[in-house]
Amino acid sequence: DRVDEARSVFSGRDDLIARLGFCLGITLLALGVSLWSLHRRRQVRAHL
């Protein structure tokens, strides 16, 4: 439980908001971009 890399990204720390933004921000943005491309049927195979 004290091994940092084995904790959840949501494990409580003073820098939780900054850590969530850094770790998940571009992943969520890319997921949104791919879902939108899939909706528009652009490069469906790749975005899947």
All heavy atoms as atom14 arrays in JSON, in Angstrom:
{
  "sequence": "DRVDEARSVFSGRDDLIARLGFCLGITLLALGVSLWSLHRRRQVRAHL",
  "atom14_mask": [
    [1, 1, 1, 1, 1, 1, 1, 1, 0, 0, 0, 0, 0, 0],
    [1, 1, 1, 1, 1, 1, 1, 1, 1, 1, 1, 0, 0, 0],
    [1, 1, 1, 1, 1, 1, 1, 0, 0, 0, 0, 0, 0, 0],
    [1, 1, 1, 1, 1, 1, 1, 1, 0, 0, 0, 0, 0, 0],
    [1, 1, 1, 1, 1, 1, 1, 1, 1, 0, 0, 0, 0, 0],
    [1, 1, 1, 1, 1, 0, 0, 0, 0, 0, 0, 0, 0, 0],
    [1, 1, 1, 1, 1, 1, 1, 1, 1, 1, 1, 0, 0, 0],
    [1, 1, 1, 1, 1, 1, 0, 0, 0, 0, 0, 0, 0, 0],
    [1, 1, 1, 1, 1, 1, 1, 0, 0, 0, 0, 0, 0, 0],
    [1, 1, 1, 1, 1, 1, 1, 1, 1, 1, 1, 0, 0, 0],
    [1, 1, 1, 1, 1, 1, 0, 0, 0, 0, 0, 0, 0, 0],
    [1, 1, 1, 1, 0, 0, 0, 0, 0, 0, 0, 0, 0, 0],
    [1, 1, 1, 1, 1, 1, 1, 1, 1, 1, 1, 0, 0, 0],
    [1, 1, 1, 1, 1, 1, 1, 1, 0, 0, 0, 0, 0, 0],
    [1, 1, 1, 1, 1, 1, 1, 1, 0, 0, 0, 0, 0, 0],
    [1, 1, 1, 1, 1, 1, 1, 1, 0, 0, 0, 0, 0, 0],
    [1, 1, 1, 1, 1, 1, 1, 1, 0, 0, 0, 0, 0, 0],
    [1, 1, 1, 1, 1, 0, 0, 0, 0, 0, 0, 0, 0, 0],
    [1, 1, 1, 1, 1, 1, 1, 1, 1, 1, 1, 0, 0, 0],
    [1, 1, 1, 1, 1, 1, 1, 1, 0, 0, 0, 0, 0, 0],
    [1, 1, 1, 1, 0, 0, 0, 0, 0, 0, 0, 0, 0, 0],
    [1, 1, 1, 1, 1, 1, 1, 1, 1, 1, 1, 0, 0, 0],
    [1, 1, 1, 1, 1, 1, 0, 0, 0, 0, 0, 0, 0, 0],
    [1, 1, 1, 1, 1, 1, 1, 1, 0, 0, 0, 0, 0, 0],
    [1, 1, 1, 1, 0, 0, 0, 0, 0, 0, 0, 0, 0, 0],
    [1, 1, 1, 1, 1, 1, 1, 1, 0, 0, 0, 0, 0, 0],
    [1, 1, 1, 1, 1, 1, 1, 0, 0, 0, 0, 0, 0, 0],
    [1, 1, 1, 1, 1, 1, 1, 1, 0, 0, 0, 0, 0, 0],
    [1, 1, 1, 1, 1, 1, 1, 1, 0, 0, 0, 0, 0, 0],
    [1, 1, 1, 1, 1, 0, 0, 0, 0, 0, 0, 0, 0, 0],
    [1, 1, 1, 1, 1, 1, 1, 1, 0, 0, 0, 0, 0, 0],
    [1, 1, 1, 1, 0, 0, 0, 0, 0, 0, 0, 0, 0, 0],
    [1, 1, 1, 1, 1, 1, 1, 0, 0, 0, 0, 0, 0, 0],
    [1, 1, 1, 1, 1, 1, 0, 0, 0, 0, 0, 0, 0, 0],
    [1, 1, 1, 1, 1, 1, 1, 1, 0, 0, 0, 0, 0, 0],
    [1, 1, 1, 1, 1, 1, 1, 1, 1, 1, 1, 1, 1, 1],
    [1, 1, 1, 1, 1, 1, 0, 0, 0, 0, 0, 0, 0, 0],
    [1, 1, 1, 1, 1, 1, 1, 1, 0, 0, 0, 0, 0, 0],
    [1, 1, 1, 1, 1, 1, 1, 1, 1, 1, 0, 0, 0, 0],
    [1, 1, 1, 1, 1, 1, 1, 1, 1, 1, 1, 0, 0, 0],
    [1, 1, 1, 1, 1, 1, 1, 1, 1, 1, 1, 0, 0, 0],
    [1, 1, 1, 1, 1, 1, 1, 1, 1, 1, 1, 0, 0, 0],
    [1, 1, 1, 1, 1, 1, 1, 1, 1, 0, 0, 0, 0, 0],
    [1, 1, 1, 1, 1, 1, 1, 0, 0, 0, 0, 0, 0, 0],
    [1, 1, 1, 1, 1, 1, 1, 1, 1, 1, 1, 0, 0, 0],
    [1, 1, 1, 1, 1, 0, 0, 0, 0, 0, 0, 0, 0, 0],
    [1, 1, 1, 1, 1, 1, 1, 1, 1, 1, 0, 0, 0, 0],
    [1, 1, 1, 1, 1, 1, 1, 1, 0, 0, 0, 0, 0, 0]
  ],
  "atom14_positions": [
    [[0.81, -1.22, 0.0], [0.0, 0.0, 0.0], [0.84, 1.27, 0.0], [0.31, 2.36, -0.27], [-0.94, 0.02, 1.21], [-2.07, -0.99, 1.08], [-2.22, -1.55, -0.02], [-2.8, -1.22, 2.06], [0.0, 0.0, 0.0], [0.0, 0.0, 0.0], [0.0, 0.0, 0.0], [0.0, 0.0, 0.0], [0.0, 0.0, 0.0], [0.0, 0.0, 0.0]],
    [[2.13, 1.16, 0.31], [2.97, 2.36, 0.31], [3.85, 2.43, -0.95], [4.6, 3.41, -1.11], [3.84, 2.41, 1.57], [4.93, 1.39, 1.62], [5.83, 1.56, 2.84], [6.9, 0.59, 2.83], [8.03, 0.75, 2.14], [8.21, 1.84, 1.42], [8.96, -0.18, 2.17], [0.0, 0.0, 0.0], [0.0, 0.0, 0.0], [0.0, 0.0, 0.0]],
    [[3.74, 1.43, -1.84], [4.48, 1.48, -3.1], [3.71, 2.39, -4.05], [2.59, 2.08, -4.46], [4.64, 0.07, -3.7], [5.34, 0.15, -5.06], [5.43, -0.83, -2.76], [0.0, 0.0, 0.0], [0.0, 0.0, 0.0], [0.0, 0.0, 0.0], [0.0, 0.0, 0.0], [0.0, 0.0, 0.0], [0.0, 0.0, 0.0], [0.0, 0.0, 0.0]],
    [[4.29, 3.53, -4.39], [3.57, 4.57, -5.15], [2.98, 4.05, -6.45], [1.82, 4.31, -6.78], [4.5, 5.75, -5.44], [4.7, 6.64, -4.22], [3.86, 6.57, -3.3], [5.69, 7.39, -4.18], [0.0, 0.0, 0.0], [0.0, 0.0, 0.0], [0.0, 0.0, 0.0], [0.0, 0.0, 0.0], [0.0, 0.0, 0.0], [0.0, 0.0, 0.0]],
    [[3.78, 3.31, -7.22], [3.31, 2.9, -8.54], [2.22, 1.84, -8.48], [1.51, 1.63, -9.46], [4.48, 2.39, -9.38], [5.08, 1.07, -8.92], [6.12, 0.55, -9.88], [6.73, 1.34, -10.63], [6.32, -0.67, -9.9], [0.0, 0.0, 0.0], [0.0, 0.0, 0.0], [0.0, 0.0, 0.0], [0.0, 0.0, 0.0], [0.0, 0.0, 0.0]],
    [[2.05, 1.21, -7.33], [1.02, 0.19, -7.18], [-0.31, 0.77, -6.69], [-1.3, 0.06, -6.58], [1.48, -0.91, -6.22], [0.0, 0.0, 0.0], [0.0, 0.0, 0.0], [0.0, 0.0, 0.0], [0.0, 0.0, 0.0], [0.0, 0.0, 0.0], [0.0, 0.0, 0.0], [0.0, 0.0, 0.0], [0.0, 0.0, 0.0], [0.0, 0.0, 0.0]],
    [[-0.34, 2.07, -6.41], [-1.57, 2.7, -5.94], [-2.46, 3.1, -7.12], [-1.99, 3.28, -8.23], [-1.25, 3.95, -5.12], [-0.47, 3.69, -3.84], [-0.13, 5.01, -3.18], [0.6, 4.82, -1.93], [1.08, 5.81, -1.21], [0.9, 7.06, -1.6], [1.73, 5.57, -0.09], [0.0, 0.0, 0.0], [0.0, 0.0, 0.0], [0.0, 0.0, 0.0]],
    [[-3.73, 3.29, -6.84], [-4.64, 3.81, -7.85], [-4.3, 5.26, -8.15], [-3.77, 5.98, -7.3], [-6.09, 3.72, -7.35], [-6.95, 4.47, -8.18], [0.0, 0.0, 0.0], [0.0, 0.0, 0.0], [0.0, 0.0, 0.0], [0.0, 0.0, 0.0], [0.0, 0.0, 0.0], [0.0, 0.0, 0.0], [0.0, 0.0, 0.0], [0.0, 0.0, 0.0]],
    [[-4.61, 5.7, -9.35], [-4.39, 7.09, -9.7], [-5.23, 8.01, -8.83], [-4.92, 9.21, -8.68], [-4.7, 7.32, -11.2], [-6.19, 7.25, -11.47], [-4.14, 8.63, -11.7], [0.0, 0.0, 0.0], [0.0, 0.0, 0.0], [0.0, 0.0, 0.0], [0.0, 0.0, 0.0], [0.0, 0.0, 0.0], [0.0, 0.0, 0.0], [0.0, 0.0, 0.0]],
    [[-6.29, 7.48, -8.21], [-7.16, 8.28, -7.36], [-6.77, 8.22, -5.88], [-7.47, 8.76, -5.04], [-8.61, 7.82, -7.49], [-9.22, 8.13, -8.83], [-9.39, 7.12, -9.77], [-9.62, 9.41, -9.16], [-9.95, 7.4, -11.01], [-10.17, 9.7, -10.4], [-10.34, 8.69, -11.33], [0.0, 0.0, 0.0], [0.0, 0.0, 0.0], [0.0, 0.0, 0.0]],
    [[-5.67, 7.54, -5.56], [-5.27, 7.43, -4.15], [-5.02, 8.82, -3.59], [-4.44, 9.69, -4.23], [-4.02, 6.56, -4.01], [-2.94, 7.12, -4.74], [0.0, 0.0, 0.0], [0.0, 0.0, 0.0], [0.0, 0.0, 0.0], [0.0, 0.0, 0.0], [0.0, 0.0, 0.0], [0.0, 0.0, 0.0], [0.0, 0.0, 0.0], [0.0, 0.0, 0.0]],
    [[-5.47, 9.04, -2.36], [-5.48, 10.37, -1.77], [-4.09, 10.94, -1.54], [-3.26, 10.32, -0.87], [0.0, 0.0, 0.0], [0.0, 0.0, 0.0], [0.0, 0.0, 0.0], [0.0, 0.0, 0.0], [0.0, 0.0, 0.0], [0.0, 0.0, 0.0], [0.0, 0.0, 0.0], [0.0, 0.0, 0.0], [0.0, 0.0, 0.0], [0.0, 0.0, 0.0]],
    [[-3.84, 12.11, -2.1], [-2.6, 12.85, -1.87], [-2.9, 14.32, -2.02], [-3.91, 14.72, -2.6], [-1.51, 12.43, -2.88], [-0.84, 11.12, -2.52], [0.09, 10.62, -3.61], [1.02, 11.65, -4.08], [2.02, 11.38, -4.93], [2.2, 10.15, -5.37], [2.81, 12.33, -5.34], [0.0, 0.0, 0.0], [0.0, 0.0, 0.0], [0.0, 0.0, 0.0]],
    [[-2.02, 15.16, -1.48], [-2.23, 16.6, -1.56], [-2.24, 17.09, -3.01], [-2.87, 18.1, -3.33], [-1.16, 17.34, -0.77], [-1.3, 17.11, 0.74], [-2.44, 16.92, 1.19], [-0.27, 17.09, 1.44], [0.0, 0.0, 0.0], [0.0, 0.0, 0.0], [0.0, 0.0, 0.0], [0.0, 0.0, 0.0], [0.0, 0.0, 0.0], [0.0, 0.0, 0.0]],
    [[-1.51, 16.39, -3.89], [-1.42, 16.83, -5.28], [-2.35, 16.04, -6.19], [-2.1, 15.9, -7.39], [0.02, 16.69, -5.78], [0.51, 15.24, -5.78], [-0.17, 14.39, -5.16], [1.55, 14.96, -6.39], [0.0, 0.0, 0.0], [0.0, 0.0, 0.0], [0.0, 0.0, 0.0], [0.0, 0.0, 0.0], [0.0, 0.0, 0.0], [0.0, 0.0, 0.0]],
    [[-3.47, 15.54, -5.64], [-4.35, 14.64, -6.4], [-4.85, 15.29, -7.68], [-4.82, 14.66, -8.75], [-5.53, 14.21, -5.52], [-6.57, 13.32, -6.21], [-5.94, 12.03, -6.69], [-7.74, 13.04, -5.26], [0.0, 0.0, 0.0], [0.0, 0.0, 0.0], [0.0, 0.0, 0.0], [0.0, 0.0, 0.0], [0.0, 0.0, 0.0], [0.0, 0.0, 0.0]],
    [[-5.32, 16.54, -7.62], [-5.89, 17.17, -8.81], [-4.83, 17.35, -9.89], [-5.07, 17.06, -11.07], [-6.53, 18.53, -8.43], [-7.7, 18.31, -7.47], [-7.01, 19.27, -9.68], [-8.35, 19.58, -6.98], [0.0, 0.0, 0.0], [0.0, 0.0, 0.0], [0.0, 0.0, 0.0], [0.0, 0.0, 0.0], [0.0, 0.0, 0.0], [0.0, 0.0, 0.0]],
    [[-3.65, 17.8, -9.5], [-2.57, 17.97, -10.48], [-2.17, 16.62, -11.07], [-1.92, 16.5, -12.28], [-1.37, 18.64, -9.83], [0.0, 0.0, 0.0], [0.0, 0.0, 0.0], [0.0, 0.0, 0.0], [0.0, 0.0, 0.0], [0.0, 0.0, 0.0], [0.0, 0.0, 0.0], [0.0, 0.0, 0.0], [0.0, 0.0, 0.0], [0.0, 0.0, 0.0]],
    [[-2.12, 15.61, -10.23], [-1.72, 14.28, -10.7], [-2.76, 13.7, -11.65], [-2.42, 13.1, -12.67], [-1.51, 13.36, -9.5], [-0.99, 11.98, -9.87], [-0.29, 11.38, -8.68], [-1.15, 11.37, -7.52], [-1.84, 10.28, -7.12], [-1.74, 9.16, -7.78], [-2.59, 10.32, -6.04], [0.0, 0.0, 0.0], [0.0, 0.0, 0.0], [0.0, 0.0, 0.0]],
    [[-4.04, 13.87, -11.33], [-5.09, 13.39, -12.22], [-5.01, 14.09, -13.57], [-5.15, 13.45, -14.63], [-6.46, 13.6, -11.59], [-6.86, 12.68, -10.44], [-8.18, 13.11, -9.83], [-6.94, 11.23, -10.92], [0.0, 0.0, 0.0], [0.0, 0.0, 0.0], [0.0, 0.0, 0.0], [0.0, 0.0, 0.0], [0.0, 0.0, 0.0], [0.0, 0.0, 0.0]],
    [[-4.79, 15.4, -13.55], [-4.69, 16.13, -14.8], [-3.52, 15.66, -15.64], [-3.65, 15.42, -16.85], [0.0, 0.0, 0.0], [0.0, 0.0, 0.0], [0.0, 0.0, 0.0], [0.0, 0.0, 0.0], [0.0, 0.0, 0.0], [0.0, 0.0, 0.0], [0.0, 0.0, 0.0], [0.0, 0.0, 0.0], [0.0, 0.0, 0.0], [0.0, 0.0, 0.0]],
    [[-2.36, 15.52, -14.99], [-1.16, 15.1, -15.73], [-1.31, 13.68, -16.25], [-0.98, 13.4, -17.41], [0.07, 15.2, -14.82], [1.34, 14.78, -15.5], [2.03, 15.68, -16.3], [1.85, 13.5, -15.35], [3.2, 15.3, -16.93], [3.01, 13.11, -15.99], [3.69, 14.02, -16.78], [0.0, 0.0, 0.0], [0.0, 0.0, 0.0], [0.0, 0.0, 0.0]],
    [[-1.78, 12.77, -15.41], [-1.82, 11.36, -15.79], [-2.94, 11.04, -16.79], [-2.75, 10.22, -17.7], [-2.0, 10.49, -14.55], [-0.6, 10.53, -13.41], [0.0, 0.0, 0.0], [0.0, 0.0, 0.0], [0.0, 0.0, 0.0], [0.0, 0.0, 0.0], [0.0, 0.0, 0.0], [0.0, 0.0, 0.0], [0.0, 0.0, 0.0], [0.0, 0.0, 0.0]],
    [[-4.09, 11.67, -16.64], [-5.26, 11.25, -17.42], [-5.72, 12.28, -18.46], [-6.52, 11.94, -19.33], [-6.43, 10.96, -16.48], [-6.21, 9.91, -15.39], [-7.48, 9.7, -14.6], [-5.71, 8.6, -15.97], [0.0, 0.0, 0.0], [0.0, 0.0, 0.0], [0.0, 0.0, 0.0], [0.0, 0.0, 0.0], [0.0, 0.0, 0.0], [0.0, 0.0, 0.0]],
    [[-5.22, 13.52, -18.38], [-5.75, 14.59, -19.23], [-5.7, 14.27, -20.71], [-6.73, 14.27, -21.41], [0.0, 0.0, 0.0], [0.0, 0.0, 0.0], [0.0, 0.0, 0.0], [0.0, 0.0, 0.0], [0.0, 0.0, 0.0], [0.0, 0.0, 0.0], [0.0, 0.0, 0.0], [0.0, 0.0, 0.0], [0.0, 0.0, 0.0], [0.0, 0.0, 0.0]],
    [[-4.51, 13.99, -21.25], [-4.42, 13.79, -22.7], [-5.01, 12.44, -23.11], [-5.43, 12.27, -24.26], [-2.98, 13.95, -23.21], [-2.07, 12.82, -22.72], [-2.41, 15.29, -22.83], [-0.72, 12.78, -23.44], [0.0, 0.0, 0.0], [0.0, 0.0, 0.0], [0.0, 0.0, 0.0], [0.0, 0.0, 0.0], [0.0, 0.0, 0.0], [0.0, 0.0, 0.0]],
    [[-5.03, 11.48, -22.18], [-5.67, 10.2, -22.49], [-7.16, 10.39, -22.71], [-7.74, 9.86, -23.68], [-5.43, 9.2, -21.35], [-4.03, 9.09, -21.11], [-5.97, 7.82, -21.71], [0.0, 0.0, 0.0], [0.0, 0.0, 0.0], [0.0, 0.0, 0.0], [0.0, 0.0, 0.0], [0.0, 0.0, 0.0], [0.0, 0.0, 0.0], [0.0, 0.0, 0.0]],
    [[-7.8, 11.16, -21.84], [-9.23, 11.44, -22.0], [-9.49, 12.29, -23.24], [-10.48, 12.07, -23.95], [-9.76, 12.15, -20.75], [-9.86, 11.29, -19.49], [-10.12, 12.16, -18.27], [-10.97, 10.25, -19.65], [0.0, 0.0, 0.0], [0.0, 0.0, 0.0], [0.0, 0.0, 0.0], [0.0, 0.0, 0.0], [0.0, 0.0, 0.0], [0.0, 0.0, 0.0]],
    [[-8.63, 13.27, -23.5], [-8.78, 14.09, -24.7], [-8.68, 13.23, -25.96], [-9.49, 13.36, -26.89], [-7.72, 15.18, -24.71], [-7.73, 16.1, -25.95], [-9.04, 16.87, -26.05], [-6.54, 17.06, -25.9], [0.0, 0.0, 0.0], [0.0, 0.0, 0.0], [0.0, 0.0, 0.0], [0.0, 0.0, 0.0], [0.0, 0.0, 0.0], [0.0, 0.0, 0.0]],
    [[-7.69, 12.35, -26.0], [-7.53, 11.47, -27.17], [-8.73, 10.55, -27.34], [-9.18, 10.28, -28.46], [-6.25, 10.65, -27.03], [0.0, 0.0, 0.0], [0.0, 0.0, 0.0], [0.0, 0.0, 0.0], [0.0, 0.0, 0.0], [0.0, 0.0, 0.0], [0.0, 0.0, 0.0], [0.0, 0.0, 0.0], [0.0, 0.0, 0.0], [0.0, 0.0, 0.0]],
    [[-9.26, 10.06, -26.21], [-10.45, 9.21, -26.29], [-11.61, 10.0, -26.88], [-12.36, 9.48, -27.72], [-10.79, 8.69, -24.89], [-12.01, 7.77, -24.79], [-11.84, 6.53, -25.67], [-12.25, 7.37, -23.34], [0.0, 0.0, 0.0], [0.0, 0.0, 0.0], [0.0, 0.0, 0.0], [0.0, 0.0, 0.0], [0.0, 0.0, 0.0], [0.0, 0.0, 0.0]],
    [[-11.78, 11.25, -26.45], [-12.83, 12.09, -27.02], [-12.64, 12.32, -28.51], [-13.6, 12.26, -29.29], [0.0, 0.0, 0.0], [0.0, 0.0, 0.0], [0.0, 0.0, 0.0], [0.0, 0.0, 0.0], [0.0, 0.0, 0.0], [0.0, 0.0, 0.0], [0.0, 0.0, 0.0], [0.0, 0.0, 0.0], [0.0, 0.0, 0.0], [0.0, 0.0, 0.0]],
    [[-11.4, 12.58, -28.92], [-11.11, 12.79, -30.35], [-11.44, 11.54, -31.15], [-12.06, 11.61, -32.23], [-9.63, 13.18, -30.53], [-9.22, 13.09, -32.0], [-9.37, 14.58, -29.98], [0.0, 0.0, 0.0], [0.0, 0.0, 0.0], [0.0, 0.0, 0.0], [0.0, 0.0, 0.0], [0.0, 0.0, 0.0], [0.0, 0.0, 0.0], [0.0, 0.0, 0.0]],
    [[-11.07, 10.38, -30.64], [-11.32, 9.12, -31.37], [-12.81, 8.8, -31.41], [-13.32, 8.33, -32.44], [-10.54, 7.97, -30.72], [-9.16, 8.1, -30.97], [0.0, 0.0, 0.0], [0.0, 0.0, 0.0], [0.0, 0.0, 0.0], [0.0, 0.0, 0.0], [0.0, 0.0, 0.0], [0.0, 0.0, 0.0], [0.0, 0.0, 0.0], [0.0, 0.0, 0.0]],
    [[-13.53, 9.04, -30.33], [-14.98, 8.81, -30.33], [-15.67, 9.73, -31.32], [-16.6, 9.31, -32.04], [-15.54, 9.02, -28.92], [-15.22, 7.93, -27.9], [-15.63, 8.37, -26.5], [-15.91, 6.61, -28.26], [0.0, 0.0, 0.0], [0.0, 0.0, 0.0], [0.0, 0.0, 0.0], [0.0, 0.0, 0.0], [0.0, 0.0, 0.0], [0.0, 0.0, 0.0]],
    [[-15.24, 10.99, -31.38], [-15.82, 11.93, -32.33], [-15.51, 11.51, -33.77], [-16.38, 11.58, -34.65], [-15.29, 13.34, -32.07], [-15.79, 14.39, -33.02], [-15.06, 15.1, -33.92], [-17.14, 14.84, -33.16], [-15.85, 15.96, -34.62], [-17.15, 15.84, -34.17], [-18.33, 14.51, -32.53], [-18.3, 16.5, -34.57], [-19.5, 15.17, -32.93], [-19.48, 16.15, -33.93]],
    [[-14.28, 11.06, -34.02], [-13.92, 10.59, -35.36], [-14.73, 9.35, -35.73], [-15.14, 9.19, -36.89], [-12.42, 10.28, -35.42], [-11.65, 11.43, -35.18], [0.0, 0.0, 0.0], [0.0, 0.0, 0.0], [0.0, 0.0, 0.0], [0.0, 0.0, 0.0], [0.0, 0.0, 0.0], [0.0, 0.0, 0.0], [0.0, 0.0, 0.0], [0.0, 0.0, 0.0]],
    [[-14.95, 8.47, -34.76], [-15.76, 7.28, -35.02], [-17.19, 7.68, -35.34], [-17.82, 7.11, -36.25], [-15.72, 6.35, -33.8], [-16.14, 4.9, -34.01], [-15.19, 4.2, -34.96], [-16.17, 4.16, -32.67], [0.0, 0.0, 0.0], [0.0, 0.0, 0.0], [0.0, 0.0, 0.0], [0.0, 0.0, 0.0], [0.0, 0.0, 0.0], [0.0, 0.0, 0.0]],
    [[-17.7, 8.66, -34.6], [-19.06, 9.16, -34.86], [-19.17, 9.73, -36.27], [-20.21, 9.55, -36.94], [-19.42, 10.22, -33.82], [-20.7, 10.94, -34.1], [-21.94, 10.33, -33.94], [-20.96, 12.21, -34.53], [-22.89, 11.18, -34.26], [-22.32, 12.33, -34.62], [0.0, 0.0, 0.0], [0.0, 0.0, 0.0], [0.0, 0.0, 0.0], [0.0, 0.0, 0.0]],
    [[-18.13, 10.4, -36.73], [-18.13, 10.98, -38.08], [-17.69, 9.99, -39.14], [-17.59, 10.33, -40.31], [-17.21, 12.2, -38.1], [-17.65, 13.32, -37.15], [-16.64, 14.45, -37.14], [-16.52, 15.08, -38.46], [-15.6, 15.98, -38.78], [-14.67, 16.32, -37.87], [-15.56, 16.51, -39.98], [0.0, 0.0, 0.0], [0.0, 0.0, 0.0], [0.0, 0.0, 0.0]],
    [[-17.4, 8.75, -38.7], [-16.98, 7.67, -39.59], [-15.71, 8.04, -40.38], [-15.59, 7.77, -41.58], [-18.11, 7.26, -40.54], [-19.38, 6.84, -39.81], [-20.34, 6.1, -40.72], [-19.78, 4.85, -41.18], [-19.75, 3.72, -40.46], [-20.24, 3.72, -39.22], [-19.25, 2.61, -40.96], [0.0, 0.0, 0.0], [0.0, 0.0, 0.0], [0.0, 0.0, 0.0]],
    [[-14.77, 8.61, -39.66], [-13.48, 8.94, -40.25], [-12.44, 7.99, -39.71], [-12.26, 7.88, -38.5], [-13.1, 10.39, -39.92], [-14.03, 11.43, -40.49], [-13.56, 12.83, -40.14], [-12.23, 13.11, -40.66], [-11.58, 14.25, -40.46], [-12.14, 15.21, -39.72], [-10.37, 14.43, -40.95], [0.0, 0.0, 0.0], [0.0, 0.0, 0.0], [0.0, 0.0, 0.0]],
    [[-11.77, 7.28, -40.61], [-10.72, 6.33, -40.23], [-11.21, 5.42, -39.1], [-10.59, 5.29, -38.04], [-9.45, 7.08, -39.82], [-8.85, 7.88, -40.97], [-7.69, 8.75, -40.54], [-7.67, 9.24, -39.42], [-6.72, 8.95, -41.42], [0.0, 0.0, 0.0], [0.0, 0.0, 0.0], [0.0, 0.0, 0.0], [0.0, 0.0, 0.0], [0.0, 0.0, 0.0]],
    [[-12.33, 4.77, -39.37], [-13.02, 3.98, -38.35], [-12.12, 2.88, -37.8], [-12.05, 2.66, -36.58], [-14.31, 3.37, -38.94], [-14.94, 2.37, -37.96], [-15.3, 4.48, -39.28], [0.0, 0.0, 0.0], [0.0, 0.0, 0.0], [0.0, 0.0, 0.0], [0.0, 0.0, 0.0], [0.0, 0.0, 0.0], [0.0, 0.0, 0.0], [0.0, 0.0, 0.0]],
    [[-11.43, 2.19, -38.69], [-10.59, 1.07, -38.25], [-9.54, 1.53, -37.25], [-9.36, 0.91, -36.19], [-9.93, 0.43, -39.47], [-8.95, -0.7, -39.16], [-8.45, -1.34, -40.44], [-7.45, -2.36, -40.16], [-6.14, -2.15, -40.15], [-5.66, -0.93, -40.42], [-5.3, -3.14, -39.89], [0.0, 0.0, 0.0], [0.0, 0.0, 0.0], [0.0, 0.0, 0.0]],
    [[-8.84, 2.62, -37.56], [-7.77, 3.11, -36.68], [-8.32, 3.6, -35.35], [-7.79, 3.28, -34.28], [-6.99, 4.22, -37.38], [0.0, 0.0, 0.0], [0.0, 0.0, 0.0], [0.0, 0.0, 0.0], [0.0, 0.0, 0.0], [0.0, 0.0, 0.0], [0.0, 0.0, 0.0], [0.0, 0.0, 0.0], [0.0, 0.0, 0.0], [0.0, 0.0, 0.0]],
    [[-9.39, 4.38, -35.4], [-9.91, 4.94, -34.16], [-10.57, 3.89, -33.28], [-10.63, 4.06, -32.06], [-10.86, 6.1, -34.46], [-10.14, 7.35, -34.89], [-9.42, 8.12, -34.01], [-9.99, 7.91, -36.12], [-8.88, 9.14, -34.66], [-9.2, 9.04, -35.95], [0.0, 0.0, 0.0], [0.0, 0.0, 0.0], [0.0, 0.0, 0.0], [0.0, 0.0, 0.0]],
    [[-11.02, 2.82, -33.87], [-11.51, 1.71, -33.06], [-10.36, 1.12, -32.23], [-10.53, 0.83, -31.03], [-12.12, 0.62, -33.95], [-12.65, -0.63, -33.24], [-13.76, -0.27, -32.27], [-13.12, -1.67, -34.26], [0.0, 0.0, 0.0], [0.0, 0.0, 0.0], [0.0, 0.0, 0.0], [0.0, 0.0, 0.0], [0.0, 0.0, 0.0], [0.0, 0.0, 0.0]]
  ]
}
